[in-house]
Amino acid sequence: MTSRRLPVLLFAIVVVSMLPAGCATKKYVRHRIDERVAPLENRTGELEETSRRNSADIVRLDGEVNEARARADKAQVTADAATVKAADASAKADKVNTRVDKLVENIDAYTLLKTVTVNFAVNRDVLDETAISELGTLVGELRGKKGYVLDIQGYTDSTGADRKNMLLSDRRARAVYQYLAESGVPLFRMNLLGFGKGQPIAENDTREGRAQNRRVEVRVMVTQIRD
């Protein structure tokens, strides 16, 4: 503020020195100069205060911008990591789909190797000890093998409503599927379906025949084309 006032004061000194001597005249001039200088000083003070506020605002805005950039950078890093994970998951899914597609394309080349049959009690879908033993033997035979798929087919006897039998046969097939999966058989090698009371292998008018029909057949299909 002092540096801005100096030219005005110098001008006032020059004007006063050029005027004729006289106390009243000098007082008048000084009064007039003060009238002009005071508003300038006030205006200068206002400008300086505005400048300080603007400087503070600039500093604050710079801080907010830097924080926003930091958050954006962090978000970008997170997004990049998610993209990498998604790409990896997609690649794994594509690999599995390729294997499944290959199996489907070669389905006509599969032939039946053997059938393992397990039986169930009336209205039950729980594996008994005999069923678990037979399925365990099958798991041991398949361990480390390639080029096979399992068709898991569930059945019931003829007693009961058709819809109830259909659901029961599906649960029986699923129980076998669950056991094999937990024992290490890959999921993509297994297909399951319930057929209800269809395709009986014995007469349903005897107790022995119905017991034979309450079953799940695990059909082991093999191919010479390696997957």
Protein backbone atom coordinates (compact mmCIF):
# COMPACT_ATOMS: atom_id res chain seq x y z
CA MET A 1 0.00 0.00 0.00
CA THR A 2 2.88 2.43 0.82
CA SER A 3 4.49 1.98 -2.59
CA ARG A 4 1.18 2.80 -4.33
CA ARG A 5 0.68 5.96 -2.26
CA LEU A 6 4.19 7.36 -2.93
CA PRO A 7 3.51 8.78 -6.44
CA VAL A 8 0.42 10.56 -5.14
CA LEU A 9 2.34 12.13 -2.27
CA LEU A 10 5.18 13.23 -4.55
CA PHE A 11 2.68 14.87 -6.86
CA ALA A 12 1.09 16.64 -3.90
CA ILE A 13 4.49 17.93 -2.70
CA VAL A 14 5.27 19.31 -6.14
CA VAL A 15 1.93 21.05 -6.36
CA VAL A 16 2.26 22.54 -2.89
CA SER A 17 5.78 23.81 -3.60
CA MET A 18 4.62 25.58 -6.75
CA LEU A 19 1.80 27.44 -5.02
CA PRO A 20 2.26 30.92 -3.54
CA ALA A 21 3.04 30.99 0.10
CA GLY A 22 0.03 31.10 2.28
CA CYS A 23 -1.17 28.91 5.09
CA ALA A 24 -4.80 28.82 3.95
CA THR A 25 -3.93 27.80 0.44
CA LYS A 26 -1.66 25.01 1.60
CA LYS A 27 -4.27 23.74 4.00
CA TYR A 28 -6.81 23.76 1.19
CA VAL A 29 -4.50 21.80 -1.09
CA ARG A 30 -3.71 19.29 1.63
CA HIS A 31 -7.41 18.88 2.28
CA ARG A 32 -8.08 18.27 -1.38
CA ILE A 33 -5.22 15.80 -1.59
CA ASP A 34 -6.49 13.90 1.45
CA GLU A 35 -9.93 13.73 -0.12
CA ARG A 36 -8.41 12.05 -3.18
CA VAL A 37 -5.92 9.86 -1.37
CA ALA A 38 -8.33 8.42 1.23
CA PRO A 39 -10.63 6.67 -1.29
CA LEU A 40 -7.58 5.33 -3.09
CA GLU A 41 -6.22 3.94 0.14
CA ASN A 42 -9.58 2.33 0.94
CA ARG A 43 -9.81 0.87 -2.53
CA THR A 44 -6.26 -0.41 -2.30
CA GLY A 45 -7.07 -2.08 1.02
CA GLU A 46 -10.15 -3.72 -0.48
CA LEU A 47 -8.14 -5.01 -3.42
CA GLU A 48 -5.46 -6.38 -1.15
CA GLU A 49 -8.10 -8.15 1.00
CA THR A 50 -9.76 -9.56 -2.14
CA SER A 51 -6.36 -10.74 -3.33
CA ARG A 52 -5.72 -12.51 -0.02
CA ARG A 53 -9.12 -14.21 -0.16
CA ASN A 54 -8.53 -15.27 -3.76
CA SER A 55 -5.14 -16.67 -2.81
CA ALA A 56 -6.71 -18.66 0.03
CA ASP A 57 -9.43 -19.94 -2.31
CA ILE A 58 -6.81 -20.99 -4.84
CA VAL A 59 -4.86 -22.90 -2.21
CA ARG A 60 -8.06 -24.61 -0.99
CA LEU A 61 -9.13 -25.50 -4.54
CA ASP A 62 -5.67 -26.87 -5.30
CA GLY A 63 -5.98 -29.12 -2.25
CA GLU A 64 -9.41 -30.34 -3.30
CA VAL A 65 -8.19 -30.99 -6.85
CA ASN A 66 -5.23 -32.99 -5.54
CA GLU A 67 -7.50 -35.02 -3.27
CA ALA A 68 -9.87 -35.68 -6.16
CA ARG A 69 -6.98 -36.81 -8.34
CA ALA A 70 -5.72 -39.12 -5.59
CA ARG A 71 -9.20 -40.67 -5.24
CA ALA A 72 -9.47 -41.03 -9.01
CA ASP A 73 -6.05 -42.72 -9.16
CA LYS A 74 -7.05 -45.13 -6.38
CA ALA A 75 -10.34 -45.90 -8.14
CA GLN A 76 -8.45 -46.53 -11.38
CA VAL A 77 -6.10 -48.97 -9.64
CA THR A 78 -9.11 -50.82 -8.18
CA ALA A 79 -10.83 -50.88 -11.56
CA ASP A 80 -7.68 -52.20 -13.25
CA ALA A 81 -7.38 -54.98 -10.67
CA ALA A 82 -11.06 -55.90 -11.16
CA THR A 83 -10.54 -55.96 -14.92
CA VAL A 84 -7.60 -58.33 -14.57
CA LYS A 85 -9.63 -60.66 -12.31
CA ALA A 86 -12.58 -60.57 -14.71
CA ALA A 87 -10.32 -61.36 -17.65
CA ASP A 88 -8.78 -64.27 -15.74
CA ALA A 89 -12.22 -65.63 -14.79
CA SER A 90 -13.39 -65.25 -18.38
CA ALA A 91 -10.34 -67.13 -19.65
CA LYS A 92 -10.98 -69.99 -17.21
CA ALA A 93 -14.65 -70.11 -18.19
CA ASP A 94 -13.72 -70.18 -21.88
CA LYS A 95 -11.35 -73.07 -21.20
CA VAL A 96 -14.07 -75.07 -19.46
CA ASN A 97 -16.58 -74.26 -22.22
CA THR A 98 -14.07 -75.42 -24.82
CA ARG A 99 -13.68 -78.75 -23.03
CA VAL A 100 -17.45 -79.17 -22.73
CA ASP A 101 -17.97 -78.23 -26.38
CA LYS A 102 -15.38 -80.79 -27.37
CA LEU A 103 -17.18 -83.47 -25.38
CA VAL A 104 -20.51 -82.54 -26.95
CA GLU A 105 -19.04 -82.55 -30.46
CA ASN A 106 -17.65 -86.04 -29.90
CA ILE A 107 -20.70 -87.47 -28.13
CA ASP A 108 -21.43 -89.86 -30.98
CA ALA A 109 -18.00 -91.42 -30.48
CA TYR A 110 -18.83 -92.55 -26.91
CA THR A 111 -19.68 -96.16 -26.21
CA LEU A 112 -21.03 -97.81 -23.07
CA LEU A 113 -18.25 -99.36 -20.99
CA LYS A 114 -20.24 -100.51 -17.96
CA THR A 115 -23.26 -99.74 -15.81
CA VAL A 116 -23.20 -99.47 -12.04
CA THR A 117 -26.64 -99.80 -10.42
CA VAL A 118 -27.53 -98.79 -6.86
CA ASN A 119 -30.94 -99.35 -5.25
CA PHE A 120 -33.07 -97.38 -2.78
CA ALA A 121 -35.65 -98.11 -0.11
CA VAL A 122 -39.30 -97.18 -0.62
CA ASN A 123 -39.79 -93.41 -0.95
CA ARG A 124 -36.12 -92.82 -0.02
CA ASP A 125 -33.35 -90.93 -1.82
CA VAL A 126 -30.52 -91.67 0.67
CA LEU A 127 -27.57 -93.87 -0.27
CA ASP A 128 -27.17 -96.96 1.94
CA GLU A 129 -23.88 -98.66 2.78
CA THR A 130 -24.10 -101.02 -0.18
CA ALA A 131 -24.64 -98.14 -2.62
CA ILE A 132 -21.77 -96.16 -1.12
CA SER A 133 -19.48 -99.17 -1.42
CA GLU A 134 -20.34 -99.74 -5.09
CA LEU A 135 -19.96 -96.06 -5.96
CA GLY A 136 -16.66 -95.90 -4.06
CA THR A 137 -15.33 -98.76 -6.19
CA LEU A 138 -16.36 -96.88 -9.33
CA VAL A 139 -14.59 -93.71 -8.14
CA GLY A 140 -11.41 -95.71 -7.64
CA GLU A 141 -11.63 -97.10 -11.18
CA LEU A 142 -12.15 -93.64 -12.68
CA ARG A 143 -9.42 -91.85 -10.72
CA GLY A 144 -6.84 -90.42 -13.12
CA LYS A 145 -8.78 -91.57 -16.17
CA LYS A 146 -9.73 -89.37 -19.14
CA GLY A 147 -12.08 -89.74 -22.08
CA TYR A 148 -15.22 -90.68 -20.15
CA VAL A 149 -18.59 -89.24 -19.12
CA LEU A 150 -21.17 -90.54 -16.67
CA ASP A 151 -24.89 -90.64 -17.43
CA ILE A 152 -26.68 -90.80 -14.06
CA GLN A 153 -30.27 -91.97 -14.52
CA GLY A 154 -32.79 -92.15 -11.65
CA TYR A 155 -35.89 -94.40 -11.53
CA THR A 156 -38.76 -95.41 -9.22
CA ASP A 157 -41.23 -98.25 -9.06
CA SER A 158 -44.81 -97.77 -10.32
CA THR A 159 -46.45 -96.99 -6.98
CA GLY A 160 -47.45 -93.38 -6.30
CA ALA A 161 -48.36 -90.42 -8.47
CA ASP A 162 -46.40 -89.76 -11.65
CA ARG A 163 -45.19 -86.28 -10.60
CA LYS A 164 -44.12 -87.55 -7.20
CA ASN A 165 -42.17 -90.38 -8.83
CA MET A 166 -40.53 -88.00 -11.28
CA LEU A 167 -39.29 -85.77 -8.46
CA LEU A 168 -38.16 -88.76 -6.41
CA SER A 169 -36.19 -90.23 -9.31
CA ASP A 170 -34.47 -86.88 -9.81
CA ARG A 171 -33.52 -86.70 -6.12
CA ARG A 172 -32.08 -90.20 -6.27
CA ALA A 173 -29.97 -89.32 -9.30
CA ARG A 174 -28.83 -86.14 -7.58
CA ALA A 175 -27.78 -88.06 -4.46
CA VAL A 176 -25.47 -90.21 -6.59
CA TYR A 177 -24.21 -87.14 -8.46
CA GLN A 178 -23.44 -85.41 -5.15
CA TYR A 179 -21.51 -88.38 -3.80
CA LEU A 180 -19.42 -88.74 -6.96
CA ALA A 181 -18.69 -85.01 -7.06
CA GLU A 182 -17.58 -85.00 -3.42
CA SER A 183 -15.38 -88.00 -4.20
CA GLY A 184 -13.49 -86.11 -6.90
CA VAL A 185 -15.31 -86.84 -10.15
CA PRO A 186 -15.28 -83.61 -12.25
CA LEU A 187 -18.70 -82.04 -12.63
CA PHE A 188 -18.34 -81.58 -16.38
CA ARG A 189 -18.07 -85.37 -16.76
CA MET A 190 -21.50 -86.03 -15.25
CA ASN A 191 -25.05 -85.68 -16.56
CA LEU A 192 -28.10 -86.58 -14.49
CA LEU A 193 -31.78 -87.02 -15.18
CA GLY A 194 -34.78 -88.57 -13.43
CA PHE A 195 -37.13 -90.81 -15.45
CA GLY A 196 -39.75 -91.51 -12.80
CA LYS A 197 -41.37 -94.93 -13.13
CA GLY A 198 -40.37 -95.21 -16.78
CA GLN A 199 -38.10 -97.94 -18.20
CA PRO A 200 -38.64 -100.61 -15.52
CA ILE A 201 -36.24 -103.53 -15.53
CA ALA A 202 -38.58 -105.85 -13.60
CA GLU A 203 -42.28 -106.39 -13.04
CA ASN A 204 -43.88 -103.91 -10.64
CA ASP A 205 -46.52 -106.39 -9.40
CA THR A 206 -44.06 -108.12 -7.07
CA ARG A 207 -42.06 -106.79 -4.13
CA GLU A 208 -38.79 -108.03 -5.62
CA GLY A 209 -39.53 -106.41 -8.97
CA ARG A 210 -40.36 -103.06 -7.40
CA ALA A 211 -37.14 -103.20 -5.36
CA GLN A 212 -35.13 -103.63 -8.56
CA ASN A 213 -36.90 -100.69 -10.22
CA ARG A 214 -36.10 -98.30 -7.34
CA ARG A 215 -32.64 -97.60 -8.70
CA VAL A 216 -30.05 -95.24 -10.15
CA GLU A 217 -27.97 -96.39 -13.09
CA VAL A 218 -24.53 -94.87 -13.59
CA ARG A 219 -23.66 -95.50 -17.21
CA VAL A 220 -19.92 -95.13 -17.88
CA MET A 221 -19.42 -93.86 -21.44
CA VAL A 222 -15.90 -93.86 -22.94
CA THR A 223 -14.30 -92.64 -26.15
CA GLN A 224 -10.98 -93.04 -27.90
CA ILE A 225 -10.88 -89.29 -28.54
CA ARG A 226 -8.96 -87.81 -25.60
CA ASP A 227 -10.29 -84.58 -24.06
